[in-house]
């Protein structure tokens, strides 16, 4: 897995097949037409090590890596929307709502 190469162009979501929050985040990204790549950390030990390295030794999923190198672990839809807007410049209804509440 080439993290630096993939992260330069799109979002990478580190996930597992059994994770409900992963399915929710994938659905949100799909519905908002945000391009992303998924890597199953149970299938890729290098990815699992990366997830643990950015989450204080914990295998928190989803862990989402953005093109600017920032990460979110187990984000809400509002947190995900705000980071997508900040990093990718894609404004969604969830981002507008989150900004209005802050």
N, C-alpha and C. Protein backbone atom coordinates (compact mmCIF):
# COMPACT_ATOMS: atom_id res chain seq x y z
N UNK A 1 0.86 -1.19 0.00
CA UNK A 1 0.00 0.00 0.00
C UNK A 1 0.89 1.24 0.00
N UNK A 2 0.64 2.15 -0.91
CA UNK A 2 1.41 3.39 -0.99
C UNK A 2 0.55 4.53 -0.47
N UNK A 3 0.64 4.79 0.84
CA UNK A 3 -0.20 5.82 1.44
C UNK A 3 0.05 7.19 0.84
N UNK A 4 1.29 7.59 0.72
CA UNK A 4 1.60 8.93 0.23
C UNK A 4 1.08 9.15 -1.18
N UNK A 5 1.23 8.15 -2.03
CA UNK A 5 0.79 8.24 -3.42
C UNK A 5 -0.73 8.34 -3.51
N UNK A 6 -1.46 7.48 -2.80
CA UNK A 6 -2.92 7.47 -2.86
C UNK A 6 -3.51 8.70 -2.19
N UNK A 7 -2.95 9.10 -1.06
CA UNK A 7 -3.51 10.22 -0.30
C UNK A 7 -3.36 11.54 -1.03
N UNK A 8 -2.43 11.62 -1.96
CA UNK A 8 -2.21 12.88 -2.66
C UNK A 8 -3.39 13.26 -3.56
N UNK A 9 -4.19 12.28 -3.95
CA UNK A 9 -5.24 12.56 -4.92
C UNK A 9 -6.66 12.34 -4.40
N UNK A 10 -6.84 11.58 -3.33
CA UNK A 10 -8.19 11.31 -2.87
C UNK A 10 -8.21 10.95 -1.39
N UNK A 11 -9.40 10.81 -0.88
CA UNK A 11 -9.59 10.38 0.50
C UNK A 11 -9.37 8.87 0.56
N UNK A 12 -8.74 8.42 1.63
CA UNK A 12 -8.61 6.99 1.90
C UNK A 12 -9.35 6.70 3.19
N UNK A 13 -10.28 5.75 3.13
CA UNK A 13 -10.99 5.32 4.32
C UNK A 13 -10.48 3.95 4.73
N UNK A 14 -9.92 3.88 5.93
CA UNK A 14 -9.50 2.62 6.51
C UNK A 14 -10.69 2.07 7.28
N UNK A 15 -11.09 0.85 6.95
CA UNK A 15 -12.33 0.32 7.50
C UNK A 15 -12.23 -1.18 7.71
N UNK A 16 -13.36 -1.75 8.15
CA UNK A 16 -13.54 -3.20 8.22
C UNK A 16 -14.92 -3.51 7.64
N UNK A 17 -15.17 -4.76 7.36
CA UNK A 17 -16.46 -5.14 6.77
C UNK A 17 -17.59 -5.09 7.80
N UNK A 18 -17.28 -5.25 9.07
CA UNK A 18 -18.31 -5.34 10.12
C UNK A 18 -18.64 -4.00 10.78
N UNK A 19 -17.97 -2.94 10.41
CA UNK A 19 -18.07 -1.65 11.10
C UNK A 19 -19.27 -0.83 10.61
N UNK A 20 -20.22 -0.57 11.51
CA UNK A 20 -21.40 0.23 11.17
C UNK A 20 -21.06 1.67 10.84
N UNK A 21 -20.12 2.28 11.59
CA UNK A 21 -19.72 3.66 11.30
C UNK A 21 -19.03 3.75 9.95
N UNK A 22 -18.32 2.69 9.56
CA UNK A 22 -17.68 2.67 8.24
C UNK A 22 -18.74 2.69 7.15
N UNK A 23 -19.76 1.87 7.30
CA UNK A 23 -20.83 1.85 6.30
C UNK A 23 -21.53 3.21 6.22
N UNK A 24 -21.76 3.85 7.36
CA UNK A 24 -22.40 5.16 7.36
C UNK A 24 -21.53 6.19 6.65
N UNK A 25 -20.24 6.21 6.96
CA UNK A 25 -19.34 7.18 6.32
C UNK A 25 -19.21 6.93 4.82
N UNK A 26 -19.14 5.66 4.43
CA UNK A 26 -19.10 5.34 2.99
C UNK A 26 -20.37 5.83 2.30
N UNK A 27 -21.50 5.59 2.93
CA UNK A 27 -22.79 6.02 2.36
C UNK A 27 -22.81 7.54 2.21
N UNK A 28 -22.32 8.26 3.24
CA UNK A 28 -22.29 9.73 3.19
C UNK A 28 -21.40 10.21 2.04
N UNK A 29 -20.21 9.63 1.93
CA UNK A 29 -19.30 10.03 0.85
C UNK A 29 -19.90 9.74 -0.52
N UNK A 30 -20.51 8.56 -0.67
CA UNK A 30 -21.17 8.21 -1.94
C UNK A 30 -22.30 9.18 -2.26
N UNK A 31 -23.18 9.44 -1.29
CA UNK A 31 -24.33 10.32 -1.52
C UNK A 31 -23.90 11.74 -1.89
N UNK A 32 -22.74 12.16 -1.39
CA UNK A 32 -22.25 13.51 -1.67
C UNK A 32 -21.21 13.54 -2.78
N UNK A 33 -21.07 12.40 -3.46
CA UNK A 33 -20.20 12.27 -4.63
C UNK A 33 -18.77 12.72 -4.34
N UNK A 34 -18.28 12.31 -3.17
CA UNK A 34 -16.90 12.60 -2.78
C UNK A 34 -16.08 11.35 -3.10
N UNK A 35 -15.08 11.47 -3.98
CA UNK A 35 -14.28 10.29 -4.34
C UNK A 35 -13.44 9.80 -3.17
N UNK A 36 -13.39 8.49 -3.00
CA UNK A 36 -12.58 7.91 -1.93
C UNK A 36 -12.20 6.49 -2.29
N UNK A 37 -11.18 6.01 -1.61
CA UNK A 37 -10.72 4.64 -1.74
C UNK A 37 -10.87 3.99 -0.37
N UNK A 38 -11.28 2.73 -0.34
CA UNK A 38 -11.44 2.00 0.92
C UNK A 38 -10.34 0.95 1.04
N UNK A 39 -9.76 0.86 2.23
CA UNK A 39 -8.78 -0.18 2.52
C UNK A 39 -9.24 -0.90 3.79
N UNK A 40 -9.43 -2.20 3.68
CA UNK A 40 -9.85 -3.04 4.82
C UNK A 40 -8.62 -3.35 5.66
N UNK A 41 -8.60 -2.87 6.89
CA UNK A 41 -7.41 -3.07 7.73
C UNK A 41 -7.25 -4.52 8.18
N UNK A 42 -8.31 -5.32 8.04
CA UNK A 42 -8.18 -6.73 8.38
C UNK A 42 -7.51 -7.52 7.26
N UNK A 43 -7.46 -6.92 6.08
CA UNK A 43 -6.83 -7.55 4.91
C UNK A 43 -5.43 -6.98 4.65
N UNK A 44 -5.12 -5.84 5.23
CA UNK A 44 -3.87 -5.14 4.93
C UNK A 44 -3.15 -4.75 6.23
N UNK A 45 -2.15 -5.54 6.64
CA UNK A 45 -1.46 -5.26 7.91
C UNK A 45 -0.73 -3.92 7.93
N UNK A 46 -0.26 -3.46 6.79
CA UNK A 46 0.40 -2.15 6.74
C UNK A 46 -0.63 -1.06 7.05
N UNK A 47 -1.81 -1.19 6.49
CA UNK A 47 -2.88 -0.22 6.76
C UNK A 47 -3.29 -0.28 8.23
N UNK A 48 -3.38 -1.48 8.79
CA UNK A 48 -3.73 -1.62 10.21
C UNK A 48 -2.69 -0.93 11.09
N UNK A 49 -1.42 -1.09 10.75
CA UNK A 49 -0.35 -0.42 11.51
C UNK A 49 -0.47 1.10 11.39
N UNK A 50 -0.80 1.59 10.20
CA UNK A 50 -0.97 3.03 10.01
C UNK A 50 -2.10 3.55 10.89
N UNK A 51 -3.24 2.85 10.88
CA UNK A 51 -4.39 3.26 11.70
C UNK A 51 -4.00 3.32 13.17
N UNK A 52 -3.30 2.33 13.64
CA UNK A 52 -2.87 2.33 15.04
C UNK A 52 -1.88 3.46 15.32
N UNK A 53 -1.05 3.80 14.34
CA UNK A 53 -0.06 4.86 14.55
C UNK A 53 -0.69 6.24 14.68
N UNK A 54 -1.83 6.46 14.05
CA UNK A 54 -2.48 7.77 14.13
C UNK A 54 -3.58 7.82 15.19
N UNK A 55 -3.83 6.68 15.86
CA UNK A 55 -4.89 6.61 16.87
C UNK A 55 -4.38 6.07 18.20
N UNK A 56 -3.16 6.47 18.58
CA UNK A 56 -2.60 6.09 19.88
C UNK A 56 -2.66 4.59 20.15
N UNK A 57 -2.34 3.79 19.12
CA UNK A 57 -2.28 2.35 19.28
C UNK A 57 -3.62 1.64 19.15
N UNK A 58 -4.68 2.38 18.88
CA UNK A 58 -6.01 1.77 18.76
C UNK A 58 -6.38 1.57 17.30
N UNK A 59 -7.15 0.52 17.02
CA UNK A 59 -7.63 0.23 15.66
C UNK A 59 -9.01 0.86 15.50
N UNK A 60 -9.06 2.19 15.46
CA UNK A 60 -10.34 2.92 15.34
C UNK A 60 -10.72 3.03 13.87
N UNK A 61 -11.92 2.55 13.57
CA UNK A 61 -12.43 2.64 12.20
C UNK A 61 -13.84 3.23 12.22
N UNK A 62 -14.18 4.00 11.21
CA UNK A 62 -13.27 4.35 10.13
C UNK A 62 -12.24 5.38 10.57
N UNK A 63 -11.04 5.25 10.04
CA UNK A 63 -10.06 6.31 10.09
C UNK A 63 -9.95 6.81 8.66
N UNK A 64 -10.13 8.11 8.49
CA UNK A 64 -10.18 8.69 7.16
C UNK A 64 -8.98 9.61 6.98
N UNK A 65 -8.20 9.33 5.94
CA UNK A 65 -7.01 10.11 5.60
C UNK A 65 -7.35 11.04 4.44
N UNK A 66 -7.09 12.32 4.63
CA UNK A 66 -7.38 13.33 3.61
C UNK A 66 -6.12 13.68 2.83
N UNK A 67 -6.28 14.25 1.63
CA UNK A 67 -5.11 14.57 0.80
C UNK A 67 -4.10 15.50 1.46
N UNK A 68 -4.53 16.30 2.44
CA UNK A 68 -3.58 17.20 3.12
C UNK A 68 -2.83 16.51 4.25
N UNK A 69 -3.09 15.20 4.46
CA UNK A 69 -2.41 14.44 5.50
C UNK A 69 -3.16 14.39 6.82
N UNK A 70 -4.25 15.14 6.94
CA UNK A 70 -5.03 15.12 8.18
C UNK A 70 -5.89 13.86 8.23
N UNK A 71 -6.30 13.47 9.44
CA UNK A 71 -7.14 12.29 9.60
C UNK A 71 -8.32 12.60 10.52
N UNK A 72 -9.37 11.82 10.35
CA UNK A 72 -10.51 11.79 11.26
C UNK A 72 -10.75 10.34 11.62
N UNK A 73 -11.02 10.07 12.89
CA UNK A 73 -11.36 8.72 13.33
C UNK A 73 -12.78 8.73 13.86
N UNK A 74 -13.58 7.82 13.36
CA UNK A 74 -14.97 7.66 13.77
C UNK A 74 -15.74 8.99 13.73
N UNK A 75 -15.67 9.73 12.61
CA UNK A 75 -16.32 11.04 12.58
C UNK A 75 -17.83 10.94 12.42
N UNK A 76 -18.52 11.94 12.94
CA UNK A 76 -19.95 12.08 12.65
C UNK A 76 -20.07 12.59 11.22
N UNK A 77 -21.29 12.57 10.69
CA UNK A 77 -21.50 13.11 9.34
C UNK A 77 -21.14 14.59 9.30
N UNK A 78 -21.47 15.34 10.36
CA UNK A 78 -21.16 16.77 10.39
C UNK A 78 -19.64 17.00 10.40
N UNK A 79 -18.91 16.22 11.20
CA UNK A 79 -17.45 16.36 11.23
C UNK A 79 -16.84 16.03 9.87
N UNK A 80 -17.35 14.99 9.25
CA UNK A 80 -16.87 14.59 7.94
C UNK A 80 -17.17 15.67 6.90
N UNK A 81 -18.38 16.23 6.96
CA UNK A 81 -18.77 17.29 6.01
C UNK A 81 -17.88 18.51 6.15
N UNK A 82 -17.59 18.90 7.38
CA UNK A 82 -16.74 20.09 7.59
C UNK A 82 -15.32 19.85 7.06
N UNK A 83 -14.76 18.67 7.32
CA UNK A 83 -13.39 18.40 6.85
C UNK A 83 -13.35 18.30 5.33
N UNK A 84 -14.38 17.70 4.72
CA UNK A 84 -14.44 17.63 3.25
C UNK A 84 -14.49 19.04 2.68
N UNK A 85 -15.26 19.91 3.31
CA UNK A 85 -15.33 21.29 2.84
C UNK A 85 -13.99 22.00 3.00
N UNK A 86 -13.35 21.82 4.15
CA UNK A 86 -12.07 22.49 4.41
C UNK A 86 -10.97 22.01 3.48
N UNK A 87 -10.89 20.72 3.28
CA UNK A 87 -9.76 20.14 2.54
C UNK A 87 -10.02 20.08 1.04
N UNK A 88 -11.24 19.70 0.66
CA UNK A 88 -11.53 19.50 -0.76
C UNK A 88 -12.34 20.62 -1.39
N UNK A 89 -12.88 21.52 -0.56
CA UNK A 89 -13.68 22.61 -1.08
C UNK A 89 -15.05 22.19 -1.57
N UNK A 90 -15.53 21.04 -1.10
CA UNK A 90 -16.85 20.54 -1.49
C UNK A 90 -17.83 20.89 -0.36
N UNK A 91 -18.79 21.74 -0.66
CA UNK A 91 -19.77 22.14 0.34
C UNK A 91 -21.01 21.26 0.23
N UNK A 92 -21.43 20.72 1.36
CA UNK A 92 -22.62 19.86 1.41
C UNK A 92 -23.62 20.48 2.37
N UNK A 93 -24.84 20.00 2.31
CA UNK A 93 -25.87 20.47 3.22
C UNK A 93 -25.49 20.20 4.67
N UNK A 94 -24.85 19.07 4.94
CA UNK A 94 -24.40 18.76 6.30
C UNK A 94 -23.37 19.78 6.80
N UNK A 95 -22.50 20.24 5.92
CA UNK A 95 -21.51 21.24 6.31
C UNK A 95 -22.18 22.56 6.63
N UNK A 96 -23.15 22.95 5.81
CA UNK A 96 -23.89 24.20 6.06
C UNK A 96 -24.60 24.13 7.40
N UNK A 97 -25.26 23.01 7.68
CA UNK A 97 -25.94 22.84 8.97
C UNK A 97 -24.97 22.88 10.14
N UNK A 98 -23.84 22.22 10.01
CA UNK A 98 -22.85 22.20 11.08
C UNK A 98 -22.30 23.58 11.36
N UNK A 99 -22.05 24.35 10.30
CA UNK A 99 -21.56 25.71 10.49
C UNK A 99 -22.60 26.61 11.12
N UNK A 100 -23.86 26.40 10.78
CA UNK A 100 -24.94 27.20 11.35
C UNK A 100 -25.11 26.93 12.83
N UNK A 101 -24.79 25.73 13.28
CA UNK A 101 -24.95 25.36 14.69
C UNK A 101 -23.76 25.76 15.53
N UNK A 102 -22.66 26.12 14.92
CA UNK A 102 -21.47 26.48 15.70
C UNK A 102 -21.39 27.94 16.03
